[in-house]
Protein backbone atom coordinates (compact mmCIF):
# COMPACT_ATOMS: atom_id res chain seq x y z
CA MET A 1 -31.24 3.95 -31.96
CA ARG A 2 -31.56 6.61 -29.28
CA PRO A 3 -29.01 9.44 -29.46
CA THR A 4 -26.24 9.34 -26.84
CA LEU A 5 -25.87 12.71 -25.15
CA ASP A 6 -22.42 14.08 -24.51
CA PHE A 7 -22.17 15.51 -20.98
CA ASN A 8 -19.61 18.08 -22.11
CA ALA A 9 -21.98 19.23 -24.84
CA LEU A 10 -24.78 19.51 -22.27
CA LYS A 11 -22.51 21.59 -20.04
CA VAL A 12 -21.82 23.94 -22.96
CA PHE A 13 -25.54 24.15 -23.75
CA ILE A 14 -26.48 24.99 -20.15
CA THR A 15 -23.75 27.64 -19.96
CA VAL A 16 -24.99 29.26 -23.18
CA VAL A 17 -28.55 29.36 -21.83
CA GLU A 18 -27.50 30.86 -18.49
CA ARG A 19 -25.16 33.44 -20.07
CA GLU A 20 -27.74 34.16 -22.78
CA SER A 21 -25.02 34.31 -25.40
CA PHE A 22 -22.36 32.25 -27.11
CA VAL A 23 -19.72 34.88 -26.37
CA GLY A 24 -20.54 34.87 -22.65
CA ALA A 25 -20.41 31.09 -22.54
CA SER A 26 -17.06 31.03 -24.35
CA LYS A 27 -15.53 33.28 -21.66
CA ILE A 28 -16.80 31.11 -18.81
CA LEU A 29 -15.75 27.89 -20.53
CA GLU A 30 -12.48 29.38 -21.76
CA MET A 31 -12.98 28.14 -25.31
CA PRO A 32 -13.40 29.90 -28.66
CA THR A 33 -16.90 31.15 -29.53
CA SER A 34 -16.75 29.14 -32.75
CA ASN A 35 -16.24 25.95 -30.73
CA VAL A 36 -19.22 26.80 -28.52
CA SER A 37 -21.40 27.36 -31.58
CA ARG A 38 -20.17 24.14 -33.18
CA CYS A 39 -20.88 22.19 -30.00
CA ILE A 40 -24.49 23.42 -29.89
CA SER A 41 -24.96 22.63 -33.59
CA GLN A 42 -23.65 19.10 -33.10
CA LEU A 43 -25.98 18.62 -30.12
CA GLU A 44 -28.96 19.77 -32.18
CA GLU A 45 -27.92 17.52 -35.05
CA LYS A 46 -27.63 14.52 -32.75
CA LEU A 47 -31.10 15.17 -31.27
CA ASP A 48 -32.51 16.21 -34.65
CA LEU A 49 -34.09 19.16 -32.85
CA GLN A 50 -33.53 22.90 -32.77
CA LEU A 51 -32.68 23.94 -29.24
CA ILE A 52 -31.87 27.61 -29.69
CA GLU A 53 -33.30 30.14 -32.15
CA ARG A 54 -30.40 32.40 -33.19
CA SER A 55 -30.42 35.85 -34.73
CA THR A 56 -27.85 38.60 -35.00
CA ARG A 57 -29.35 40.40 -32.02
CA HIS A 58 -30.62 37.74 -29.65
CA MET A 59 -31.07 34.05 -28.96
CA LYS A 60 -34.15 32.29 -27.67
CA LEU A 61 -34.75 28.80 -26.34
CA THR A 62 -37.16 26.62 -28.26
CA GLN A 63 -39.65 24.46 -26.40
CA ALA A 64 -37.33 21.49 -26.85
CA GLY A 65 -34.40 23.59 -25.63
CA GLN A 66 -36.32 24.64 -22.52
CA LEU A 67 -37.20 21.02 -21.73
CA LEU A 68 -33.59 19.90 -22.16
CA TYR A 69 -32.31 22.72 -19.95
CA THR A 70 -34.88 22.00 -17.20
CA ARG A 71 -34.08 18.28 -17.13
CA ALA A 72 -30.32 18.38 -17.74
CA LYS A 73 -29.31 21.11 -15.28
CA PRO A 74 -30.09 19.20 -12.04
CA LEU A 75 -28.52 16.04 -13.48
CA LEU A 76 -25.27 17.83 -14.30
CA GLU A 77 -25.24 19.51 -10.89
CA ALA A 78 -25.64 16.11 -9.24
CA LEU A 79 -22.79 14.68 -11.33
CA GLU A 80 -20.53 17.61 -10.48
CA GLN A 81 -21.33 17.20 -6.79
CA THR A 82 -20.57 13.48 -7.00
CA GLU A 83 -17.27 14.21 -8.75
CA THR A 84 -16.36 16.70 -6.03
CA GLU A 85 -17.18 14.22 -3.27
CA LEU A 86 -15.21 11.44 -4.93
CA THR A 87 -12.22 13.72 -5.44
CA LEU A 88 -12.30 14.89 -1.83
CA ARG A 89 -12.59 11.32 -0.63
CA GLN A 90 -9.49 10.50 -2.66
CA ILE A 91 -7.38 13.38 -1.32
CA GLN A 92 -8.70 13.91 2.22
CA LEU A 93 -7.35 12.04 5.21
CA LYS A 94 -10.67 10.87 6.58
CA GLY A 95 -12.87 7.81 6.56
CA PRO A 96 -11.97 4.12 7.07
CA LEU A 97 -8.41 2.86 6.74
CA ARG A 98 -8.00 -0.92 7.08
CA ILE A 99 -4.50 -2.30 7.50
CA CYS A 100 -2.86 -5.59 8.44
CA ILE A 101 0.54 -5.95 10.11
CA PRO A 102 2.52 -9.13 10.93
CA ASN A 103 2.20 -10.71 14.36
CA GLU A 104 4.71 -9.80 17.06
CA ILE A 105 7.24 -7.84 15.01
CA GLY A 106 4.44 -5.67 13.61
CA PRO A 107 3.28 -4.30 16.99
CA ALA A 108 6.89 -4.00 18.17
CA LEU A 109 7.99 -1.99 15.12
CA LEU A 110 4.79 -0.24 14.13
CA GLY A 111 2.55 -0.07 17.20
CA SER A 112 3.63 3.38 18.38
CA ILE A 113 4.00 4.63 14.79
CA ILE A 114 0.41 3.76 13.88
CA ALA A 115 -0.79 5.25 17.18
CA ASP A 116 1.04 8.51 16.43
CA PHE A 117 -0.49 8.54 12.95
CA ALA A 118 -3.97 8.07 14.46
CA CYS A 119 -3.39 11.02 16.80
CA GLN A 120 -2.24 13.19 13.91
CA TYR A 121 -5.28 12.35 11.76
CA PRO A 122 -8.28 11.95 14.10
CA ASP A 123 -10.78 11.94 11.22
CA LEU A 124 -9.48 8.56 10.08
CA GLU A 125 -11.22 5.40 11.28
CA ILE A 126 -8.26 3.01 11.55
CA SER A 127 -8.82 -0.74 11.79
CA CYS A 128 -5.60 -2.71 12.30
CA ILE A 129 -5.38 -6.49 12.46
CA THR A 130 -2.32 -8.64 13.15
CA ASN A 131 -1.63 -11.90 11.34
CA LEU A 132 0.92 -13.56 9.09
CA SER A 133 -1.28 -13.93 6.01
CA GLY A 134 0.68 -11.36 4.01
CA LEU A 135 -0.61 -11.19 0.44
CA GLU A 136 -3.81 -13.03 1.33
CA SER A 137 -4.87 -10.26 3.70
CA LEU A 138 -5.25 -7.82 0.80
CA ARG A 139 -8.01 -10.02 -0.58
CA ASP A 140 -10.03 -9.40 2.58
CA ASP A 141 -11.04 -5.87 1.57
CA LEU A 142 -8.07 -4.23 3.29
CA ASP A 143 -6.34 -1.07 2.10
CA LEU A 144 -2.81 -2.01 3.08
CA ALA A 145 -0.84 -5.05 4.20
CA ILE A 146 2.57 -4.89 5.87
CA ILE A 147 4.53 -8.08 5.26
CA ILE A 148 7.88 -9.34 6.42
CA THR A 149 10.04 -11.48 4.19
CA ARG A 150 13.58 -12.74 3.83
CA GLY A 151 15.42 -13.25 0.57
CA GLN A 152 13.82 -12.84 -2.84
CA MET A 153 10.19 -11.73 -2.65
CA ASP A 154 7.72 -13.53 -4.90
CA ASN A 155 6.24 -11.65 -7.83
CA SER A 156 2.62 -10.66 -7.31
CA ASP A 157 -0.12 -8.47 -8.71
CA TYR A 158 0.39 -6.03 -5.85
CA ILE A 159 2.65 -3.00 -5.51
CA ALA A 160 5.37 -3.49 -2.87
CA ARG A 161 7.07 -0.51 -1.24
CA HIS A 162 10.11 -1.20 0.91
CA LEU A 163 9.89 0.17 4.44
CA VAL A 164 12.92 -1.05 6.36
CA THR A 165 15.73 -3.61 6.37
CA ILE A 166 16.31 -5.55 9.60
CA PRO A 167 19.84 -7.04 9.89
CA CYS A 168 20.02 -10.63 11.16
CA THR A 169 22.66 -12.93 12.58
CA ILE A 170 23.22 -16.58 13.57
CA VAL A 171 23.33 -17.26 17.31
CA ALA A 172 23.56 -20.16 19.70
CA ALA A 173 23.76 -20.71 23.45
CA PRO A 174 27.22 -21.48 24.93
CA SER A 175 25.92 -24.90 26.01
CA LEU A 176 25.00 -25.73 22.39
CA ILE A 177 28.41 -24.62 21.13
CA GLN A 178 30.04 -26.78 23.80
CA ARG A 179 28.01 -29.78 22.65
CA TYR A 180 28.35 -29.41 18.85
CA GLY A 181 31.27 -27.04 18.37
CA THR A 182 31.26 -23.79 16.39
CA PRO A 183 30.18 -24.38 12.77
CA THR A 184 32.54 -22.96 10.17
CA HIS A 185 30.38 -23.14 7.03
CA ILE A 186 26.63 -22.77 6.51
CA GLN A 187 26.14 -26.24 4.97
CA GLN A 188 26.73 -27.73 8.42
CA PHE A 189 23.27 -26.52 9.47
CA GLU A 190 21.79 -29.32 7.37
CA GLU A 191 22.89 -31.67 10.16
CA LEU A 192 22.87 -29.43 13.24
CA PRO A 193 19.76 -28.76 15.39
CA CYS A 194 18.15 -25.53 14.21
CA ILE A 195 15.18 -23.41 15.21
CA THR A 196 12.96 -22.66 12.21
CA THR A 197 9.41 -21.48 11.51
CA VAL A 198 6.12 -23.28 11.05
CA SER A 199 4.63 -21.09 8.32
CA ALA A 200 6.15 -17.61 8.70
CA LEU A 201 8.60 -16.76 5.93
CA LYS A 202 7.20 -19.86 4.18
CA GLY A 203 8.92 -22.10 6.68
CA ALA A 204 12.31 -21.65 5.01
CA PRO A 205 14.00 -18.73 6.77
CA TRP A 206 17.60 -19.87 6.52
CA GLN A 207 18.92 -17.76 3.70
CA PHE A 208 22.32 -16.17 3.32
CA VAL A 209 23.85 -13.53 1.06
CA ASN A 210 27.21 -14.28 -0.54
CA LYS A 211 29.85 -11.76 -1.57
CA LYS A 212 28.25 -11.43 -5.01
CA GLY A 213 24.98 -10.39 -3.39
CA GLU A 214 23.26 -13.65 -4.37
CA PHE A 215 20.93 -15.54 -2.07
CA GLU A 216 21.85 -19.03 -0.84
CA THR A 217 19.20 -21.18 0.86
CA ILE A 218 20.08 -23.96 3.28
CA LYS A 219 17.61 -26.73 4.15
CA VAL A 220 18.43 -26.83 7.83
CA LYS A 221 17.64 -29.56 10.29
CA GLY A 222 14.59 -27.86 11.77
CA HIS A 223 13.58 -29.96 14.76
CA TYR A 224 11.99 -27.02 16.61
CA ARG A 225 9.53 -24.80 14.74
CA VAL A 226 7.81 -21.60 15.91
CA ASN A 227 6.13 -18.60 14.32
CA SER A 228 7.46 -16.18 16.90
CA GLY A 229 10.78 -14.40 17.03
CA GLU A 230 10.43 -14.10 20.80
CA MET A 231 9.93 -17.86 21.17
CA ALA A 232 12.83 -18.53 18.82
CA GLY A 233 15.02 -16.27 20.94
CA GLN A 234 14.01 -17.96 24.19
CA ALA A 235 14.61 -21.39 22.64
CA ALA A 236 18.05 -20.29 21.45
CA VAL A 237 18.96 -19.07 24.96
CA ALA A 238 17.79 -22.41 26.38
CA GLY A 239 20.11 -24.26 24.00
CA VAL A 240 17.41 -25.89 21.88
CA GLY A 241 19.23 -25.12 18.62
CA PHE A 242 21.00 -22.63 16.41
CA ALA A 243 18.82 -19.66 15.45
CA ILE A 244 18.75 -16.87 12.91
CA LEU A 245 17.45 -13.76 14.67
CA SER A 246 17.37 -10.02 14.16
CA LYS A 247 20.50 -8.42 15.58
CA GLN A 248 18.49 -5.88 17.53
CA ALA A 249 16.32 -8.54 19.20
CA CYS A 250 19.21 -10.72 20.35
CA HIS A 251 21.69 -7.96 21.19
CA PRO A 252 20.93 -8.06 24.96
CA TYR A 253 21.52 -11.84 25.02
CA ILE A 254 24.81 -11.47 23.13
CA SER A 255 25.93 -8.66 25.43
CA ASP A 256 25.39 -10.68 28.62
CA GLY A 257 26.83 -13.89 27.18
CA ARG A 258 23.64 -15.94 27.00
CA LEU A 259 24.02 -16.16 23.22
CA ILE A 260 27.11 -16.31 21.02
CA GLU A 261 27.10 -14.71 17.58
CA ILE A 262 28.53 -16.89 14.81
CA GLU A 263 29.93 -15.28 11.66
CA PHE A 264 30.36 -16.89 8.25
CA GLU A 265 31.69 -15.90 4.85
CA GLN A 266 28.06 -15.49 3.81
CA SER A 267 26.04 -13.11 5.95
CA ALA A 268 22.57 -14.00 7.22
CA ALA A 269 19.95 -12.56 4.86
CA PRO A 270 18.17 -9.63 6.52
CA LEU A 271 14.46 -9.40 7.11
CA GLN A 272 12.64 -6.94 4.86
CA LEU A 273 9.47 -5.07 5.74
CA PHE A 274 7.23 -4.13 2.79
CA ALA A 275 3.98 -2.22 2.41
CA LEU A 276 1.70 -3.91 -0.12
CA TYR A 277 -1.25 -2.34 -1.90
CA SER A 278 -3.21 -3.12 -5.01
CA ASN A 279 -2.88 -0.13 -7.35
CA ARG A 280 -0.39 2.73 -7.52
CA ARG A 281 -2.43 4.98 -9.85
CA TYR A 282 -5.51 5.26 -7.66
CA LEU A 283 -3.82 4.98 -4.28
CA PRO A 284 -5.92 7.07 -1.85
CA ALA A 285 -4.18 9.88 -0.01
CA LYS A 286 -4.82 8.25 3.38
CA THR A 287 -3.05 5.04 2.30
CA ARG A 288 -0.14 6.94 0.79
CA ALA A 289 0.08 9.09 3.92
CA ILE A 290 0.40 6.17 6.34
CA ILE A 291 3.01 4.47 4.14
CA ASP A 292 5.05 7.70 3.99
CA PHE A 293 4.62 8.14 7.75
CA MET A 294 5.81 4.59 8.49
CA GLN A 295 8.78 4.88 6.16
CA GLN A 296 9.86 8.20 7.68
CA LYS A 297 9.55 7.01 11.29
CA LEU A 298 11.32 3.70 10.58
CA SER A 299 14.18 5.49 8.81
CA ASP A 300 14.56 7.77 11.84
CA SER A 301 14.78 4.80 14.23
CA PRO A 302 18.16 3.22 15.03
CA SER A 303 18.70 -0.18 13.36
């Protein structure tokens, strides 16, 4: 069996050769001279060759030692250069950064934030796509996926970092209230016309939080389905059905009377925005930087 060379031992050997002494090498390597000597002896034993002729006054490379030094030095230099490049790539904010954000709410919440980030770090090559695929998008060779969810988030193999909570409320047009009356408990939505989603939030967005902080899900009568908060809002204003919308999005409609806010003992579960990535330990600096940037900007924004 061929001997397996230890790169650390080779580094010690090369340092000894270049410093022309074990003492000199020990100072550079910051290790005891006895350890340097032992390392060379173990290397020679493994190769079954004498690499250095030692005496009390001087040391001299053998022919085998000269060959090993000549061949090993450029290899170690190449490895050290590669290590440096990999380390810099990990810590520097440059190179490609591929992210995915949810349709509609993503550009509204994050569009200017990502643009500001791009201006701050011009060496980054940012590619941003918008879709509702959530977890699936991380399997498409992306660095980061921003997802929106309501209620309990499913367990996954990915790391989820919370970005922002978006309060929600139940609303309806005055004409709808006139037709069906004001509901007094959430179970009534099983029979009332409601606006729900096709696939966003897994098609089951009607979740509430009780006083104990537990989630309650209602299977509403969803006769109108969309994957757009804007379309849901317009449909609610038109009187199509009851809707659960973010408070910020429907505030103008509530203020001018086009929508009426309905309160229950259980509050509408808020929307949650999460940043998802695959591994915390080796998270590149550029990915960590944009997550931190998003979180800071979103926390500074009014709810």
